């Protein structure tokens, strides 16, 4: 009789995706068709706003902001998760998980031309003609 084991599939970043049933290989009893990136150990239960990430031989819980919209504080533009941008003389990117970098905020700018003050957006000053 063919045996089965439950494994826990991760994506390319090691983030838990879903459980998967791996079947025993018919020609190699005791060996299973475990997909690339899958783990045998059960990930921890993640609360809302967290996701389990495989790190080495264990799991860790990391912040999960992949369903959130972010804005760049330097120019108030929307940021697409995972996009590489030039910030000063550095290329930076944020995948949507882990701590939110200081160059992003989830607070939408209230109007075009708003500037970031360090703790919120300042409305643009109206110029009179």
N, C-alpha and C. Protein backbone atom coordinates (compact mmCIF):
# COMPACT_ATOMS: atom_id res chain seq x y z
N UNK A 1 0.84 -1.18 0.00
CA UNK A 1 0.00 0.00 0.00
C UNK A 1 0.89 1.25 0.00
N UNK A 2 0.53 2.22 -0.82
CA UNK A 2 1.29 3.46 -0.93
C UNK A 2 1.05 4.33 0.30
N UNK A 3 2.13 4.84 0.85
CA UNK A 3 2.05 5.73 2.01
C UNK A 3 1.94 7.18 1.53
N UNK A 4 1.46 8.04 2.39
CA UNK A 4 1.39 9.46 2.11
C UNK A 4 1.86 10.24 3.33
N UNK A 5 2.44 11.42 3.08
CA UNK A 5 2.80 12.33 4.16
C UNK A 5 2.30 13.73 3.79
N UNK A 6 1.98 14.51 4.80
CA UNK A 6 1.60 15.90 4.56
C UNK A 6 2.86 16.75 4.65
N UNK A 7 3.05 17.58 3.63
CA UNK A 7 4.16 18.52 3.61
C UNK A 7 3.58 19.93 3.49
N UNK A 8 4.41 20.93 3.71
CA UNK A 8 3.94 22.31 3.77
C UNK A 8 4.70 23.14 2.75
N UNK A 9 3.98 23.51 1.68
CA UNK A 9 4.58 24.17 0.53
C UNK A 9 4.88 25.64 0.82
N UNK A 10 6.07 26.09 0.38
CA UNK A 10 6.45 27.49 0.49
C UNK A 10 6.66 28.06 -0.91
N UNK A 11 6.68 29.39 -1.00
CA UNK A 11 7.00 30.03 -2.27
C UNK A 11 8.50 30.29 -2.34
N UNK A 12 8.95 31.02 -3.35
CA UNK A 12 10.37 31.27 -3.55
C UNK A 12 11.00 32.06 -2.40
N UNK A 13 10.19 32.79 -1.62
CA UNK A 13 10.69 33.55 -0.47
C UNK A 13 10.59 32.76 0.83
N UNK A 14 10.12 31.52 0.75
CA UNK A 14 9.97 30.69 1.94
C UNK A 14 8.67 30.92 2.69
N UNK A 15 7.75 31.70 2.12
CA UNK A 15 6.48 31.97 2.79
C UNK A 15 5.53 30.79 2.61
N UNK A 16 4.89 30.38 3.70
CA UNK A 16 3.97 29.24 3.66
C UNK A 16 2.81 29.52 2.72
N UNK A 17 2.51 28.54 1.86
CA UNK A 17 1.42 28.66 0.89
C UNK A 17 0.22 27.77 1.26
N UNK A 18 0.48 26.47 1.43
CA UNK A 18 -0.61 25.53 1.69
C UNK A 18 -0.03 24.15 2.01
N UNK A 19 -0.82 23.30 2.70
CA UNK A 19 -0.39 21.91 2.90
C UNK A 19 -0.56 21.14 1.59
N UNK A 20 0.20 20.07 1.45
CA UNK A 20 0.19 19.26 0.24
C UNK A 20 0.41 17.81 0.64
N UNK A 21 -0.27 16.89 -0.02
CA UNK A 21 -0.08 15.47 0.26
C UNK A 21 0.96 14.90 -0.70
N UNK A 22 2.05 14.40 -0.14
CA UNK A 22 3.11 13.79 -0.94
C UNK A 22 2.95 12.28 -0.89
N UNK A 23 2.97 11.65 -2.05
CA UNK A 23 2.82 10.20 -2.14
C UNK A 23 4.18 9.50 -2.14
N UNK A 24 4.18 8.29 -1.62
CA UNK A 24 5.39 7.47 -1.64
C UNK A 24 5.70 7.08 -3.08
N UNK A 25 6.98 7.07 -3.42
CA UNK A 25 7.40 6.68 -4.77
C UNK A 25 7.33 5.16 -4.89
N UNK A 26 6.67 4.67 -5.92
CA UNK A 26 6.46 3.23 -6.10
C UNK A 26 7.78 2.47 -6.22
N UNK A 27 8.76 3.04 -6.88
CA UNK A 27 10.03 2.36 -7.09
C UNK A 27 11.04 2.59 -5.97
N UNK A 28 10.69 3.46 -5.01
CA UNK A 28 11.59 3.76 -3.90
C UNK A 28 10.80 3.82 -2.60
N UNK A 29 10.40 2.69 -2.05
CA UNK A 29 9.64 2.69 -0.81
C UNK A 29 10.35 3.50 0.27
N UNK A 30 9.57 4.30 0.98
CA UNK A 30 10.13 5.15 2.03
C UNK A 30 10.54 6.53 1.53
N UNK A 31 10.52 6.74 0.20
CA UNK A 31 10.81 8.05 -0.39
C UNK A 31 9.51 8.64 -0.92
N UNK A 32 9.38 9.95 -0.84
CA UNK A 32 8.14 10.62 -1.21
C UNK A 32 8.39 11.71 -2.24
N UNK A 33 7.35 12.01 -3.03
CA UNK A 33 7.46 13.05 -4.06
C UNK A 33 7.22 14.43 -3.43
N UNK A 34 8.19 14.88 -2.66
CA UNK A 34 8.07 16.15 -1.95
C UNK A 34 8.45 17.27 -2.92
N UNK A 35 7.54 18.20 -3.18
CA UNK A 35 7.83 19.30 -4.11
C UNK A 35 8.95 20.20 -3.60
N UNK A 36 9.63 20.86 -4.55
CA UNK A 36 10.67 21.82 -4.20
C UNK A 36 10.07 22.90 -3.29
N UNK A 37 10.76 23.21 -2.22
CA UNK A 37 10.30 24.26 -1.31
C UNK A 37 9.37 23.78 -0.22
N UNK A 38 8.92 22.53 -0.29
CA UNK A 38 8.01 22.01 0.73
C UNK A 38 8.80 21.57 1.96
N UNK A 39 8.18 21.67 3.11
CA UNK A 39 8.80 21.30 4.38
C UNK A 39 7.98 20.20 5.04
N UNK A 40 8.65 19.36 5.79
CA UNK A 40 7.96 18.31 6.54
C UNK A 40 7.39 18.84 7.86
N UNK A 41 8.01 19.88 8.40
CA UNK A 41 7.56 20.40 9.69
C UNK A 41 6.37 21.34 9.52
N UNK A 42 5.45 21.26 10.46
CA UNK A 42 4.24 22.07 10.47
C UNK A 42 4.59 23.52 10.78
N UNK A 43 4.13 24.48 9.96
CA UNK A 43 4.41 25.88 10.27
C UNK A 43 3.58 26.35 11.46
N UNK A 44 4.02 27.40 12.15
CA UNK A 44 3.22 27.93 13.25
C UNK A 44 1.95 28.58 12.70
N UNK A 45 0.93 28.65 13.54
CA UNK A 45 -0.31 29.32 13.16
C UNK A 45 -0.05 30.82 13.12
N UNK A 46 -0.36 31.44 12.01
CA UNK A 46 -0.13 32.87 11.84
C UNK A 46 -1.40 33.66 12.15
N UNK A 47 -1.28 34.66 12.99
CA UNK A 47 -2.39 35.56 13.28
C UNK A 47 -2.61 36.47 12.08
N UNK A 48 -3.71 37.19 12.08
CA UNK A 48 -3.97 38.16 11.01
C UNK A 48 -2.80 39.13 10.94
N UNK A 49 -2.35 39.43 9.74
CA UNK A 49 -1.23 40.34 9.56
C UNK A 49 0.13 39.69 9.67
N UNK A 50 0.16 38.36 9.75
CA UNK A 50 1.41 37.62 9.80
C UNK A 50 1.37 36.48 8.81
N UNK A 51 2.56 35.97 8.46
CA UNK A 51 2.68 34.79 7.62
C UNK A 51 3.90 34.01 8.11
N UNK A 52 3.81 32.67 8.04
CA UNK A 52 4.94 31.83 8.43
C UNK A 52 5.95 31.81 7.29
N UNK A 53 7.23 31.94 7.66
CA UNK A 53 8.32 31.89 6.69
C UNK A 53 9.33 30.84 7.13
N UNK A 54 9.68 29.96 6.19
CA UNK A 54 10.69 28.96 6.46
C UNK A 54 12.06 29.63 6.44
N UNK A 55 12.81 29.44 7.51
CA UNK A 55 14.16 29.99 7.61
C UNK A 55 15.08 28.89 8.09
N UNK A 56 15.94 28.41 7.20
CA UNK A 56 16.80 27.29 7.56
C UNK A 56 15.94 26.05 7.81
N UNK A 57 16.10 25.45 8.97
CA UNK A 57 15.33 24.25 9.32
C UNK A 57 14.12 24.56 10.19
N UNK A 58 13.80 25.84 10.37
CA UNK A 58 12.68 26.19 11.24
C UNK A 58 11.76 27.19 10.55
N UNK A 59 10.74 27.60 11.28
CA UNK A 59 9.78 28.58 10.80
C UNK A 59 9.85 29.82 11.67
N UNK A 60 9.51 30.97 11.10
CA UNK A 60 9.39 32.22 11.84
C UNK A 60 8.11 32.91 11.37
N UNK A 61 7.51 33.70 12.23
CA UNK A 61 6.36 34.51 11.82
C UNK A 61 6.87 35.90 11.45
N UNK A 62 6.45 36.39 10.28
CA UNK A 62 6.85 37.72 9.81
C UNK A 62 5.61 38.53 9.50
N UNK A 63 5.76 39.86 9.50
CA UNK A 63 4.65 40.74 9.15
C UNK A 63 4.21 40.47 7.71
N UNK A 64 2.91 40.51 7.47
CA UNK A 64 2.37 40.28 6.12
C UNK A 64 1.52 41.47 5.71
N UNK A 65 2.04 42.26 4.79
CA UNK A 65 1.37 43.45 4.28
C UNK A 65 1.05 43.32 2.80
N UNK A 66 1.04 42.09 2.28
CA UNK A 66 0.88 41.90 0.83
C UNK A 66 -0.47 42.34 0.29
N UNK A 67 -1.48 42.48 1.14
CA UNK A 67 -2.79 42.94 0.69
C UNK A 67 -2.97 44.45 0.88
N UNK A 68 -1.93 45.14 1.31
CA UNK A 68 -2.03 46.57 1.61
C UNK A 68 -1.49 47.42 0.46
N UNK A 69 -1.99 48.64 0.39
CA UNK A 69 -1.47 49.63 -0.56
C UNK A 69 -0.46 50.51 0.18
N UNK A 70 0.65 50.80 -0.46
CA UNK A 70 1.68 51.66 0.12
C UNK A 70 1.93 52.87 -0.76
N UNK A 71 2.49 53.90 -0.13
CA UNK A 71 2.83 55.14 -0.82
C UNK A 71 4.26 55.52 -0.46
N UNK A 72 4.98 56.00 -1.45
CA UNK A 72 6.34 56.47 -1.23
C UNK A 72 6.29 57.81 -0.51
N UNK A 73 7.10 57.98 0.53
CA UNK A 73 7.06 59.25 1.26
C UNK A 73 7.87 60.34 0.56
N UNK A 74 8.72 59.97 -0.41
CA UNK A 74 9.52 60.99 -1.09
C UNK A 74 8.73 61.74 -2.16
N UNK A 75 7.75 61.07 -2.79
CA UNK A 75 7.00 61.75 -3.86
C UNK A 75 5.49 61.50 -3.81
N UNK A 76 5.00 60.81 -2.78
CA UNK A 76 3.57 60.54 -2.56
C UNK A 76 2.95 59.62 -3.61
N UNK A 77 3.75 58.96 -4.41
CA UNK A 77 3.20 58.07 -5.44
C UNK A 77 2.88 56.70 -4.84
N UNK A 78 1.92 56.00 -5.49
CA UNK A 78 1.61 54.63 -5.07
C UNK A 78 2.82 53.75 -5.38
N UNK A 79 3.04 52.77 -4.50
CA UNK A 79 4.14 51.84 -4.70
C UNK A 79 3.57 50.47 -5.01
N UNK A 80 4.09 49.83 -6.04
CA UNK A 80 3.70 48.47 -6.40
C UNK A 80 4.63 47.50 -5.69
N UNK A 81 4.06 46.63 -4.85
CA UNK A 81 4.88 45.70 -4.07
C UNK A 81 5.83 44.92 -4.98
N UNK A 82 7.08 44.84 -4.54
CA UNK A 82 8.10 44.10 -5.27
C UNK A 82 8.83 44.91 -6.32
N UNK A 83 8.33 46.10 -6.64
CA UNK A 83 8.97 46.92 -7.68
C UNK A 83 10.29 47.49 -7.16
N UNK A 84 11.32 47.42 -7.99
CA UNK A 84 12.60 48.04 -7.66
C UNK A 84 12.54 49.50 -8.07
N UNK A 85 12.90 50.38 -7.14
CA UNK A 85 12.90 51.82 -7.44
C UNK A 85 14.25 52.40 -7.03
N UNK A 86 14.58 53.52 -7.62
CA UNK A 86 15.79 54.24 -7.26
C UNK A 86 15.42 55.28 -6.21
N UNK A 87 16.03 55.18 -5.06
CA UNK A 87 15.78 56.09 -3.95
C UNK A 87 17.13 56.69 -3.57
N UNK A 88 17.33 57.94 -3.93
CA UNK A 88 18.67 58.53 -3.77
C UNK A 88 19.60 57.84 -4.74
N UNK A 89 20.65 57.21 -4.23
CA UNK A 89 21.57 56.47 -5.10
C UNK A 89 21.47 54.96 -4.89
N UNK A 90 20.39 54.50 -4.25
CA UNK A 90 20.20 53.08 -3.97
C UNK A 90 18.96 52.54 -4.67
N UNK A 91 19.07 51.30 -5.16
CA UNK A 91 17.90 50.60 -5.68
C UNK A 91 17.30 49.82 -4.50
N UNK A 92 16.02 50.06 -4.23
CA UNK A 92 15.34 49.41 -3.10
C UNK A 92 14.07 48.76 -3.60
N UNK A 93 13.59 47.78 -2.83
CA UNK A 93 12.31 47.14 -3.12
C UNK A 93 11.74 46.58 -1.83
N UNK A 94 10.41 46.44 -1.79
CA UNK A 94 9.74 45.85 -0.63
C UNK A 94 8.73 44.84 -1.15
N UNK A 95 8.84 43.57 -0.73
CA UNK A 95 7.96 42.52 -1.25
C UNK A 95 6.58 42.47 -0.61
N UNK A 96 6.38 43.19 0.51
CA UNK A 96 5.08 43.17 1.17
C UNK A 96 5.06 42.31 2.42
N UNK A 97 6.18 41.73 2.78
CA UNK A 97 6.27 40.97 4.02
C UNK A 97 7.54 41.41 4.75
N UNK A 98 7.51 41.25 6.07
CA UNK A 98 8.62 41.74 6.88
C UNK A 98 8.34 43.18 7.29
N UNK A 99 9.26 43.77 8.05
CA UNK A 99 9.05 45.15 8.51
C UNK A 99 8.91 46.11 7.32
N UNK A 100 8.02 47.07 7.46
CA UNK A 100 7.81 48.07 6.41
C UNK A 100 8.99 49.04 6.44
N UNK A 101 9.63 49.27 5.29
CA UNK A 101 10.77 50.19 5.28
C UNK A 101 10.33 51.64 5.53
N UNK A 102 11.25 52.44 6.02
CA UNK A 102 10.96 53.83 6.38
C UNK A 102 10.56 54.68 5.19
N UNK A 103 10.86 54.26 3.98
CA UNK A 103 10.54 55.06 2.79
C UNK A 103 9.12 54.83 2.28
N UNK A 104 8.34 54.01 3.00
CA UNK A 104 6.95 53.74 2.63
C UNK A 104 6.01 54.05 3.78
N UNK A 105 4.76 54.34 3.43
CA UNK A 105 3.69 54.49 4.42
C UNK A 105 2.42 53.89 3.83
N UNK A 106 1.53 53.44 4.71
CA UNK A 106 0.22 52.95 4.26
C UNK A 106 -0.80 54.09 4.24
N UNK A 107 -0.43 55.24 4.76
CA UNK A 107 -1.33 56.39 4.80
C UNK A 107 -1.33 57.07 3.44
N UNK A 108 -2.51 57.14 2.83
CA UNK A 108 -2.62 57.77 1.50
C UNK A 108 -2.46 59.28 1.61
N UNK A 109 -1.76 59.89 0.66
CA UNK A 109 -1.67 61.35 0.67
C UNK A 109 -3.05 61.95 0.45
N UNK A 110 -3.40 63.03 1.15
CA UNK A 110 -4.75 63.59 1.05
C UNK A 110 -5.03 64.35 -0.24
N UNK A 111 -3.97 64.81 -0.89
CA UNK A 111 -4.15 65.60 -2.11
C UNK A 111 -2.86 65.59 -2.91
N UNK A 112 -2.95 65.83 -4.21
CA UNK A 112 -1.72 65.95 -5.00
C UNK A 112 -0.84 67.07 -4.42
N UNK A 113 0.45 66.83 -4.40
CA UNK A 113 1.38 67.83 -3.88
C UNK A 113 1.61 67.76 -2.38
N UNK A 114 0.94 66.84 -1.68
CA UNK A 114 1.15 66.69 -0.24
C UNK A 114 2.58 66.23 0.01
N UNK A 115 3.15 66.65 1.13
CA UNK A 115 4.51 66.25 1.47
C UNK A 115 4.51 65.54 2.82
N UNK A 116 5.42 64.58 2.96
CA UNK A 116 5.54 63.78 4.17
C UNK A 116 6.33 64.57 5.22
N UNK A 117 5.81 64.63 6.44
CA UNK A 117 6.45 65.40 7.51
C UNK A 117 7.27 64.54 8.46
N UNK A 118 7.22 63.25 8.28
CA UNK A 118 7.88 62.33 9.20
C UNK A 118 6.88 61.56 10.03
N UNK A 119 5.68 62.11 10.17
CA UNK A 119 4.63 61.41 10.92
C UNK A 119 3.28 61.47 10.21
N UNK A 120 3.21 62.18 9.11
CA UNK A 120 1.96 62.29 8.35
C UNK A 120 2.16 63.20 7.16
N UNK A 121 1.08 63.39 6.42
CA UNK A 121 1.14 64.22 5.22
C UNK A 121 0.75 65.66 5.55
N UNK A 122 1.45 66.62 4.94
CA UNK A 122 1.09 68.03 5.04
C UNK A 122 0.45 68.43 3.72
N UNK A 123 -0.64 69.16 3.83
CA UNK A 123 -1.34 69.62 2.63
C UNK A 123 -0.47 70.64 1.90
N UNK A 124 -0.56 70.64 0.58
CA UNK A 124 0.22 71.63 -0.16
C UNK A 124 -0.30 73.03 0.12
N UNK A 125 0.60 73.97 0.11
CA UNK A 125 0.23 75.37 0.32
C UNK A 125 -0.30 75.92 -0.99
N UNK A 126 -1.47 76.53 -0.94
CA UNK A 126 -2.07 77.10 -2.15
C UNK A 126 -1.30 78.35 -2.55
N UNK A 127 -1.00 78.45 -3.81
CA UNK A 127 -0.30 79.62 -4.33
C UNK A 127 -1.33 80.55 -4.94
N UNK A 128 -1.35 81.80 -4.46
CA UNK A 128 -2.31 82.77 -4.99
C UNK A 128 -1.70 83.50 -6.17
N UNK A 129 -2.51 83.73 -7.19
CA UNK A 129 -2.00 84.42 -8.38
C UNK A 129 -2.16 85.90 -8.26
